């Protein structure tokens, strides 16, 4: 089986994330750039299947700037076999549809049996790219699975719905997106880190994918700096604190 895992580099969620006020785009120099944790979980699901099935190939695929190769090397050190990096200056600020078109073209170009992804990135949080990729490829989509089970000819799992859970199944090939409830990612070991340096990373652009038309981009109309947090209301207990607190909560419709 050949499993393609869609991945993305994002600002570290443990640090402050900022927008460039001049362009309205993410300021990638404001914090460390790391692999998106939800994609690491998707990769872990692929690696667990690979651990028990000899001959399984796991490929990580991303679209991003030159710096995204660092993210790919991290994921290769976890156990992926190879990586594909779509990099093209003209793709900067691509919208989700353009991103999905590029990813789908790269997936078709290399062949696959299953596509795994996180259900939404921690920066854009659009949550629709896996569905768009499935639509472009004409494949069934199993969205936002909390658990996933892979077999030689099918994929199944469960997703949360109002009041319970839903069991779903689809034949391969298929596209699957996973939530933060899925498998917790493993840590790379020293052997994996050293092997990752020798694993292949293929770099391609729009022309390589046969998509030479001008890129569709998201245009930010305006952006303003988030205002500083104002000081909260302070209540000093002089015997009437309980009454004042109740009045404050009631005036703000909190009780």
C-alpha atoms as a PDB file:
ATOM      1  CA  UNK A   1       0.000   0.000   0.000  1.00  0.00           C
ATOM      2  CA  UNK A   2       1.150   3.531  -0.754  1.00  0.00           C
ATOM      3  CA  UNK A   3      -0.081   6.131   1.731  1.00  0.00           C
ATOM      4  CA  UNK A   4       0.294   9.851   1.059  1.00  0.00           C
ATOM      5  CA  UNK A   5       0.107  12.069   4.143  1.00  0.00           C
ATOM      6  CA  UNK A   6      -0.673  15.758   3.615  1.00  0.00           C
ATOM      7  CA  UNK A   7       1.397  17.939   5.937  1.00  0.00           C
ATOM      8  CA  UNK A   8       1.950  21.621   6.619  1.00  0.00           C
ATOM      9  CA  UNK A   9       4.406  23.832   8.459  1.00  0.00           C
ATOM     10  CA  UNK A  10       2.781  26.248  10.924  1.00  0.00           C
ATOM     11  CA  UNK A  11       3.842  28.689  13.646  1.00  0.00           C
ATOM     12  CA  UNK A  12       4.445  26.980  16.972  1.00  0.00           C
ATOM     13  CA  UNK A  13       1.165  27.104  18.901  1.00  0.00           C
ATOM     14  CA  UNK A  14       3.098  27.578  22.143  1.00  0.00           C
ATOM     15  CA  UNK A  15       4.354  30.959  20.940  1.00  0.00           C
ATOM     16  CA  UNK A  16       2.667  34.205  19.917  1.00  0.00           C
ATOM     17  CA  UNK A  17       1.446  34.179  16.327  1.00  0.00           C
ATOM     18  CA  UNK A  18       1.315  37.476  14.460  1.00  0.00           C
ATOM     19  CA  UNK A  19       0.134  38.909  11.164  1.00  0.00           C
ATOM     20  CA  UNK A  20       2.289  41.121   8.985  1.00  0.00           C
ATOM     21  CA  UNK A  21       0.291  44.357   9.080  1.00  0.00           C
ATOM     22  CA  UNK A  22       1.625  45.482   5.708  1.00  0.00           C
ATOM     23  CA  UNK A  23       0.549  42.366   3.785  1.00  0.00           C
ATOM     24  CA  UNK A  24      -2.088  40.862   6.035  1.00  0.00           C
ATOM     25  CA  UNK A  25      -0.299  37.521   5.796  1.00  0.00           C
ATOM     26  CA  UNK A  26       1.172  35.380   8.520  1.00  0.00           C
ATOM     27  CA  UNK A  27       4.455  36.706   9.895  1.00  0.00           C
ATOM     28  CA  UNK A  28       6.541  33.540   9.655  1.00  0.00           C
ATOM     29  CA  UNK A  29       9.482  35.205  11.340  1.00  0.00           C
ATOM     30  CA  UNK A  30       7.565  35.979  14.533  1.00  0.00           C
ATOM     31  CA  UNK A  31       7.742  32.442  15.945  1.00  0.00           C
ATOM     32  CA  UNK A  32       9.285  29.049  15.318  1.00  0.00           C
ATOM     33  CA  UNK A  33       7.879  27.128  12.364  1.00  0.00           C
ATOM     34  CA  UNK A  34       7.064  23.479  13.110  1.00  0.00           C
ATOM     35  CA  UNK A  35       5.123  20.575  11.578  1.00  0.00           C
ATOM     36  CA  UNK A  36       1.430  20.903  12.340  1.00  0.00           C
ATOM     37  CA  UNK A  37       0.668  18.533  15.210  1.00  0.00           C
ATOM     38  CA  UNK A  38      -2.559  17.302  13.599  1.00  0.00           C
ATOM     39  CA  UNK A  39      -0.547  16.173  10.552  1.00  0.00           C
ATOM     40  CA  UNK A  40       1.886  14.337  12.813  1.00  0.00           C
ATOM     41  CA  UNK A  41      -1.091  12.368  14.127  1.00  0.00           C
ATOM     42  CA  UNK A  42      -2.124  11.513  10.574  1.00  0.00           C
ATOM     43  CA  UNK A  43       1.429  10.356   9.863  1.00  0.00           C
ATOM     44  CA  UNK A  44       1.394   8.243  13.027  1.00  0.00           C
ATOM     45  CA  UNK A  45      -1.709   6.397  11.804  1.00  0.00           C
ATOM     46  CA  UNK A  46       0.095   5.616   8.547  1.00  0.00           C
ATOM     47  CA  UNK A  47       3.254   4.500  10.358  1.00  0.00           C
ATOM     48  CA  UNK A  48       1.340   2.174  12.668  1.00  0.00           C
ATOM     49  CA  UNK A  49      -0.070   0.390   9.643  1.00  0.00           C
ATOM     50  CA  UNK A  50       3.377   0.289   8.069  1.00  0.00           C
ATOM     51  CA  UNK A  51       4.852  -1.227  11.243  1.00  0.00           C
ATOM     52  CA  UNK A  52       2.627  -4.278  10.812  1.00  0.00           C
ATOM     53  CA  UNK A  53       2.577  -4.512   7.012  1.00  0.00           C
ATOM     54  CA  UNK A  54       5.828  -4.983   5.135  1.00  0.00           C
ATOM     55  CA  UNK A  55       5.963  -3.284   1.776  1.00  0.00           C
ATOM     56  CA  UNK A  56       3.900  -0.280   2.864  1.00  0.00           C
ATOM     57  CA  UNK A  57       5.236   3.036   1.550  1.00  0.00           C
ATOM     58  CA  UNK A  58       4.527   6.306   3.349  1.00  0.00           C
ATOM     59  CA  UNK A  59       5.068   9.610   1.529  1.00  0.00           C
ATOM     60  CA  UNK A  60       4.654  13.046   3.107  1.00  0.00           C
ATOM     61  CA  UNK A  61       3.496  15.856   0.825  1.00  0.00           C
ATOM     62  CA  UNK A  62       3.490  19.589   1.457  1.00  0.00           C
ATOM     63  CA  UNK A  63       3.155  22.870  -0.415  1.00  0.00           C
ATOM     64  CA  UNK A  64       5.147  25.705   1.080  1.00  0.00           C
ATOM     65  CA  UNK A  65       8.254  27.887   0.956  1.00  0.00           C
ATOM     66  CA  UNK A  66      11.835  26.629   0.896  1.00  0.00           C
ATOM     67  CA  UNK A  67      11.872  26.506   4.702  1.00  0.00           C
ATOM     68  CA  UNK A  68       9.222  23.755   4.667  1.00  0.00           C
ATOM     69  CA  UNK A  69      11.954  21.221   3.944  1.00  0.00           C
ATOM     70  CA  UNK A  70      12.815  21.363   7.641  1.00  0.00           C
ATOM     71  CA  UNK A  71       9.311  20.144   8.455  1.00  0.00           C
ATOM     72  CA  UNK A  72       9.633  17.353   5.894  1.00  0.00           C
ATOM     73  CA  UNK A  73      12.932  16.186   7.395  1.00  0.00           C
ATOM     74  CA  UNK A  74      11.313  16.041  10.846  1.00  0.00           C
ATOM     75  CA  UNK A  75       8.509  13.843   9.488  1.00  0.00           C
ATOM     76  CA  UNK A  76      11.001  11.657   7.623  1.00  0.00           C
ATOM     77  CA  UNK A  77      12.829  11.135  10.909  1.00  0.00           C
ATOM     78  CA  UNK A  78       9.591   9.840  12.408  1.00  0.00           C
ATOM     79  CA  UNK A  79       9.478   7.071   9.795  1.00  0.00           C
ATOM     80  CA  UNK A  80       8.093   8.342   6.478  1.00  0.00           C
ATOM     81  CA  UNK A  81       9.934   6.894   3.482  1.00  0.00           C
ATOM     82  CA  UNK A  82      10.096   9.947   1.215  1.00  0.00           C
ATOM     83  CA  UNK A  83       8.773  13.468   0.776  1.00  0.00           C
ATOM     84  CA  UNK A  84       7.392  15.676  -1.957  1.00  0.00           C
ATOM     85  CA  UNK A  85       7.752  19.447  -1.664  1.00  0.00           C
ATOM     86  CA  UNK A  86       5.700  21.734  -3.905  1.00  0.00           C
ATOM     87  CA  UNK A  87       7.546  25.038  -3.893  1.00  0.00           C
ATOM     88  CA  UNK A  88       6.934  27.953  -6.242  1.00  0.00           C
ATOM     89  CA  UNK A  89       7.110  31.673  -5.429  1.00  0.00           C
ATOM     90  CA  UNK A  90       3.962  32.222  -7.493  1.00  0.00           C
ATOM     91  CA  UNK A  91       2.033  30.012  -5.047  1.00  0.00           C
ATOM     92  CA  UNK A  92       2.554  32.320  -2.072  1.00  0.00           C
ATOM     93  CA  UNK A  93      -0.776  33.191  -0.406  1.00  0.00           C
ATOM     94  CA  UNK A  94      -2.649  30.558  -2.432  1.00  0.00           C
ATOM     95  CA  UNK A  95      -6.263  30.122  -1.432  1.00  0.00           C
ATOM     96  CA  UNK A  96      -7.585  26.745  -0.291  1.00  0.00           C
ATOM     97  CA  UNK A  97      -8.908  25.792  -3.723  1.00  0.00           C
ATOM     98  CA  UNK A  98      -5.570  26.447  -5.381  1.00  0.00           C
ATOM     99  CA  UNK A  99      -3.792  24.538  -2.610  1.00  0.00           C
ATOM    100  CA  UNK A 100      -6.101  21.551  -3.068  1.00  0.00           C
ATOM    101  CA  UNK A 101      -5.550  21.581  -6.850  1.00  0.00           C
ATOM    102  CA  UNK A 102      -1.786  21.492  -6.394  1.00  0.00           C
ATOM    103  CA  UNK A 103      -1.891  18.751  -3.778  1.00  0.00           C
ATOM    104  CA  UNK A 104      -4.287  16.634  -5.838  1.00  0.00           C
ATOM    105  CA  UNK A 105      -2.098  16.965  -8.938  1.00  0.00           C
ATOM    106  CA  UNK A 106       0.985  15.884  -6.974  1.00  0.00           C
ATOM    107  CA  UNK A 107      -0.902  12.918  -5.507  1.00  0.00           C
ATOM    108  CA  UNK A 108      -2.052  11.765  -8.948  1.00  0.00           C
ATOM    109  CA  UNK A 109       1.431  12.230 -10.367  1.00  0.00           C
ATOM    110  CA  UNK A 110       3.041   9.842  -7.894  1.00  0.00           C
ATOM    111  CA  UNK A 111       0.263   7.284  -7.445  1.00  0.00           C
ATOM    112  CA  UNK A 112      -1.382   6.297  -4.163  1.00  0.00           C
ATOM    113  CA  UNK A 113      -3.811   3.976  -2.393  1.00  0.00           C
ATOM    114  CA  UNK A 114      -4.788   6.206   0.531  1.00  0.00           C
ATOM    115  CA  UNK A 115      -4.507   9.893   1.421  1.00  0.00           C
ATOM    116  CA  UNK A 116      -4.381  10.872   5.101  1.00  0.00           C
ATOM    117  CA  UNK A 117      -4.547  14.408   6.507  1.00  0.00           C
ATOM    118  CA  UNK A 118      -5.417  16.364   9.609  1.00  0.00           C
ATOM    119  CA  UNK A 119      -8.966  17.687   9.660  1.00  0.00           C
ATOM    120  CA  UNK A 120      -7.828  21.328   9.889  1.00  0.00           C
ATOM    121  CA  UNK A 121      -4.577  23.232  10.245  1.00  0.00           C
ATOM    122  CA  UNK A 122      -3.804  25.179  13.403  1.00  0.00           C
ATOM    123  CA  UNK A 123      -3.142  28.408  11.491  1.00  0.00           C
ATOM    124  CA  UNK A 124      -5.718  28.744   8.707  1.00  0.00           C
ATOM    125  CA  UNK A 125      -8.317  26.435  10.325  1.00  0.00           C
ATOM    126  CA  UNK A 126     -10.254  26.214   7.053  1.00  0.00           C
ATOM    127  CA  UNK A 127     -10.951  22.508   7.486  1.00  0.00           C
ATOM    128  CA  UNK A 128     -11.937  21.938   3.840  1.00  0.00           C
ATOM    129  CA  UNK A 129      -8.719  21.084   1.967  1.00  0.00           C
ATOM    130  CA  UNK A 130      -9.055  17.273   2.464  1.00  0.00           C
ATOM    131  CA  UNK A 131     -12.629  17.431   1.137  1.00  0.00           C
ATOM    132  CA  UNK A 132     -11.512  19.517  -1.840  1.00  0.00           C
ATOM    133  CA  UNK A 133      -8.721  17.051  -2.627  1.00  0.00           C
ATOM    134  CA  UNK A 134     -11.206  14.167  -2.467  1.00  0.00           C
ATOM    135  CA  UNK A 135     -13.587  16.010  -4.796  1.00  0.00           C
ATOM    136  CA  UNK A 136     -10.863  16.766  -7.339  1.00  0.00           C
ATOM    137  CA  UNK A 137      -9.641  13.156  -7.273  1.00  0.00           C
ATOM    138  CA  UNK A 138     -13.198  11.800  -7.410  1.00  0.00           C
ATOM    139  CA  UNK A 139     -12.696   9.730  -4.265  1.00  0.00           C
ATOM    140  CA  UNK A 140     -14.774   8.963  -1.167  1.00  0.00           C
ATOM    141  CA  UNK A 141     -13.992  11.101   1.886  1.00  0.00           C
ATOM    142  CA  UNK A 142     -14.081   9.909   5.478  1.00  0.00           C
ATOM    143  CA  UNK A 143     -13.907  13.227   7.381  1.00  0.00           C
ATOM    144  CA  UNK A 144     -12.824  14.062  10.924  1.00  0.00           C
ATOM    145  CA  UNK A 145     -12.245  10.516  12.167  1.00  0.00           C
ATOM    146  CA  UNK A 146     -11.300  10.032  15.819  1.00  0.00           C
ATOM    147  CA  UNK A 147     -10.092   6.484  15.101  1.00  0.00           C
ATOM    148  CA  UNK A 148      -9.025   4.820  11.866  1.00  0.00           C
ATOM    149  CA  UNK A 149      -8.486   1.209  10.836  1.00  0.00           C
ATOM    150  CA  UNK A 150      -6.625   0.368   7.631  1.00  0.00           C
ATOM    151  CA  UNK A 151      -6.982  -2.836   5.637  1.00  0.00           C
ATOM    152  CA  UNK A 152      -5.552  -3.966   2.324  1.00  0.00           C
ATOM    153  CA  UNK A 153      -8.610  -2.862   0.367  1.00  0.00           C
ATOM    154  CA  UNK A 154     -10.581  -0.556   2.670  1.00  0.00           C
ATOM    155  CA  UNK A 155     -10.444   2.046   5.416  1.00  0.00           C
ATOM    156  CA  UNK A 156     -12.856   2.473   8.321  1.00  0.00           C
ATOM    157  CA  UNK A 157     -13.191   4.442  11.529  1.00  0.00           C
ATOM    158  CA  UNK A 158     -15.422   6.427  13.837  1.00  0.00           C
ATOM    159  CA  UNK A 159     -16.262  10.112  14.009  1.00  0.00           C
ATOM    160  CA  UNK A 160     -18.086  12.097  16.676  1.00  0.00           C
ATOM    161  CA  UNK A 161     -21.591  13.370  16.002  1.00  0.00           C
ATOM    162  CA  UNK A 162     -24.190  15.064  18.196  1.00  0.00           C
ATOM    163  CA  UNK A 163     -25.197  12.569  20.856  1.00  0.00           C
ATOM    164  CA  UNK A 164     -22.829   9.778  19.904  1.00  0.00           C
ATOM    165  CA  UNK A 165     -20.464   8.439  17.263  1.00  0.00           C
ATOM    166  CA  UNK A 166     -20.742   7.224  13.690  1.00  0.00           C
ATOM    167  CA  UNK A 167     -18.929   4.250  12.138  1.00  0.00           C
ATOM    168  CA  UNK A 168     -17.899   4.771   8.507  1.00  0.00           C
ATOM    169  CA  UNK A 169     -16.130   2.688   5.874  1.00  0.00           C
ATOM    170  CA  UNK A 170     -14.937   3.156   2.304  1.00  0.00           C
ATOM    171  CA  UNK A 171     -13.071   1.078  -0.287  1.00  0.00           C
ATOM    172  CA  UNK A 172      -9.604   2.172  -1.359  1.00  0.00           C
ATOM    173  CA  UNK A 173      -8.485   4.499  -2.793  1.00  0.00           C
ATOM    174  CA  UNK A 174      -9.941   7.101  -0.434  1.00  0.00           C
ATOM    175  CA  UNK A 175      -9.176  10.322   1.434  1.00  0.00           C
ATOM    176  CA  UNK A 176      -9.318  10.434   5.244  1.00  0.00           C
ATOM    177  CA  UNK A 177      -8.987  13.370   7.640  1.00  0.00           C
ATOM    178  CA  UNK A 178      -8.222  12.818  11.326  1.00  0.00           C
ATOM    179  CA  UNK A 179      -8.913  14.804  14.490  1.00  0.00           C
ATOM    180  CA  UNK A 180      -6.783  15.510  17.538  1.00  0.00           C
ATOM    181  CA  UNK A 181      -8.340  12.426  19.167  1.00  0.00           C
ATOM    182  CA  UNK A 182      -6.480  10.127  16.772  1.00  0.00           C
ATOM    183  CA  UNK A 183      -3.129   8.436  17.387  1.00  0.00           C
ATOM    184  CA  UNK A 184      -0.552  10.430  19.353  1.00  0.00           C
ATOM    185  CA  UNK A 185       2.588  10.960  17.289  1.00  0.00           C
ATOM    186  CA  UNK A 186       5.817   9.173  18.142  1.00  0.00           C
ATOM    187  CA  UNK A 187       9.091  10.965  18.826  1.00  0.00           C
ATOM    188  CA  UNK A 188      11.941  10.528  16.338  1.00  0.00           C
ATOM    189  CA  UNK A 189      14.837   8.459  17.664  1.00  0.00           C
ATOM    190  CA  UNK A 190      18.506   9.006  16.886  1.00  0.00           C
ATOM    191  CA  UNK A 191      18.531   6.360  14.156  1.00  0.00           C
ATOM    192  CA  UNK A 192      15.490   7.950  12.511  1.00  0.00           C
ATOM    193  CA  UNK A 193      17.080  11.403  12.607  1.00  0.00           C
ATOM    194  CA  UNK A 194      20.243  10.155  10.932  1.00  0.00           C
ATOM    195  CA  UNK A 195      18.338   8.159   8.290  1.00  0.00           C
ATOM    196  CA  UNK A 196      16.131  11.157   7.466  1.00  0.00           C
ATOM    197  CA  UNK A 197      19.160  12.995   6.084  1.00  0.00           C
ATOM    198  CA  UNK A 198      19.468  10.384   3.316  1.00  0.00           C
ATOM    199  CA  UNK A 199      15.793   9.945   2.456  1.00  0.00           C
ATOM    200  CA  UNK A 200      14.651  11.486  -0.836  1.00  0.00           C
ATOM    201  CA  UNK A 201      12.841  14.831  -0.929  1.00  0.00           C
ATOM    202  CA  UNK A 202      11.488  15.642  -4.381  1.00  0.00           C
ATOM    203  CA  UNK A 203      11.000  19.324  -5.179  1.00  0.00           C
ATOM    204  CA  UNK A 204       8.403  20.216  -7.811  1.00  0.00           C
ATOM    205  CA  UNK A 205       6.637  23.359  -9.022  1.00  0.00           C
ATOM    206  CA  UNK A 206       3.456  24.270 -10.903  1.00  0.00           C
ATOM    207  CA  UNK A 207       4.994  23.518 -14.274  1.00  0.00           C
ATOM    208  CA  UNK A 208       6.014  20.027 -13.120  1.00  0.00           C
ATOM    209  CA  UNK A 209       2.385  19.371 -12.263  1.00  0.00           C
ATOM    210  CA  UNK A 210       1.076  20.657 -15.572  1.00  0.00           C
ATOM    211  CA  UNK A 211      -0.682  23.532 -13.823  1.00  0.00           C
ATOM    212  CA  UNK A 212       0.855  26.563 -15.449  1.00  0.00           C
ATOM    213  CA  UNK A 213      -2.074  28.963 -15.031  1.00  0.00           C
ATOM    214  CA  UNK A 214      -1.746  31.912 -12.690  1.00  0.00           C
ATOM    215  CA  UNK A 215      -2.232  31.000  -9.064  1.00  0.00           C
ATOM    216  CA  UNK A 216      -5.431  31.927  -7.236  1.00  0.00           C
ATOM    217  CA  UNK A 217      -4.600  33.765  -4.034  1.00  0.00           C
ATOM    218  CA  UNK A 218      -6.397  34.923  -0.938  1.00  0.00           C
ATOM    219  CA  UNK A 219      -6.449  38.712  -0.739  1.00  0.00           C
ATOM    220  CA  UNK A 220      -6.605  40.349   2.686  1.00  0.00           C
ATOM    221  CA  UNK A 221      -8.753  43.478   2.537  1.00  0.00           C
ATOM    222  CA  UNK A 222      -7.554  45.014   5.782  1.00  0.00           C
ATOM    223  CA  UNK A 223      -5.872  44.071   9.015  1.00  0.00           C
ATOM    224  CA  UNK A 224      -5.476  45.839  12.348  1.00  0.00           C
ATOM    225  CA  UNK A 225      -3.386  45.078  15.367  1.00  0.00           C
ATOM    226  CA  UNK A 226      -5.259  43.386  18.197  1.00  0.00           C
ATOM    227  CA  UNK A 227      -5.875  45.942  20.953  1.00  0.00           C
ATOM    228  CA  UNK A 228      -4.098  45.499  24.244  1.00  0.00           C
ATOM    229  CA  UNK A 229      -6.127  43.702  26.858  1.00  0.00           C
ATOM    230  CA  UNK A 230      -7.881  46.149  29.164  1.00  0.00           C
ATOM    231  CA  UNK A 231      -7.629  45.813  32.913  1.00  0.00           C
ATOM    232  CA  UNK A 232     -10.473  43.871  34.461  1.00  0.00           C
ATOM    233  CA  UNK A 233     -12.881  45.038  37.137  1.00  0.00           C
ATOM    234  CA  UNK A 234     -11.423  44.787  40.602  1.00  0.00           C
ATOM    235  CA  UNK A 235     -13.729  44.290  43.576  1.00  0.00           C
ATOM    236  CA  UNK A 236     -12.415  44.967  47.051  1.00  0.00           C
ATOM    237  CA  UNK A 237     -14.198  43.104  49.810  1.00  0.00           C
ATOM    238  CA  UNK A 238     -15.465  45.700  52.269  1.00  0.00           C
ATOM    239  CA  UNK A 239     -18.483  43.643  53.240  1.00  0.00           C
ATOM    240  CA  UNK A 240     -20.398  44.157  49.984  1.00  0.00           C
ATOM    241  CA  UNK A 241     -18.168  42.146  47.622  1.00  0.00           C
ATOM    242  CA  UNK A 242     -20.728  39.395  47.123  1.00  0.00           C
ATOM    243  CA  UNK A 243     -23.407  41.879  46.087  1.00  0.00           C
ATOM    244  CA  UNK A 244     -21.038  43.724  43.762  1.00  0.00           C
ATOM    245  CA  UNK A 245     -19.866  40.476  42.181  1.00  0.00           C
ATOM    246  CA  UNK A 246     -23.416  39.282  41.588  1.00  0.00           C
ATOM    247  CA  UNK A 247     -24.309  42.657  40.061  1.00  0.00           C
ATOM    248  CA  UNK A 248     -21.277  42.545  37.760  1.00  0.00           C
ATOM    249  CA  UNK A 249     -22.101  39.033  36.548  1.00  0.00           C
ATOM    250  CA  UNK A 250     -25.741  39.932  36.010  1.00  0.00           C
ATOM    251  CA  UNK A 251     -24.931  43.126  34.084  1.00  0.00           C
ATOM    252  CA  UNK A 252     -22.708  41.121  31.728  1.00  0.00           C
ATOM    253  CA  UNK A 253     -25.349  38.398  31.368  1.00  0.00           C
ATOM    254  CA  UNK A 254     -23.080  35.797  32.885  1.00  0.00           C
ATOM    255  CA  UNK A 255     -25.747  34.524  35.274  1.00  0.00           C
END
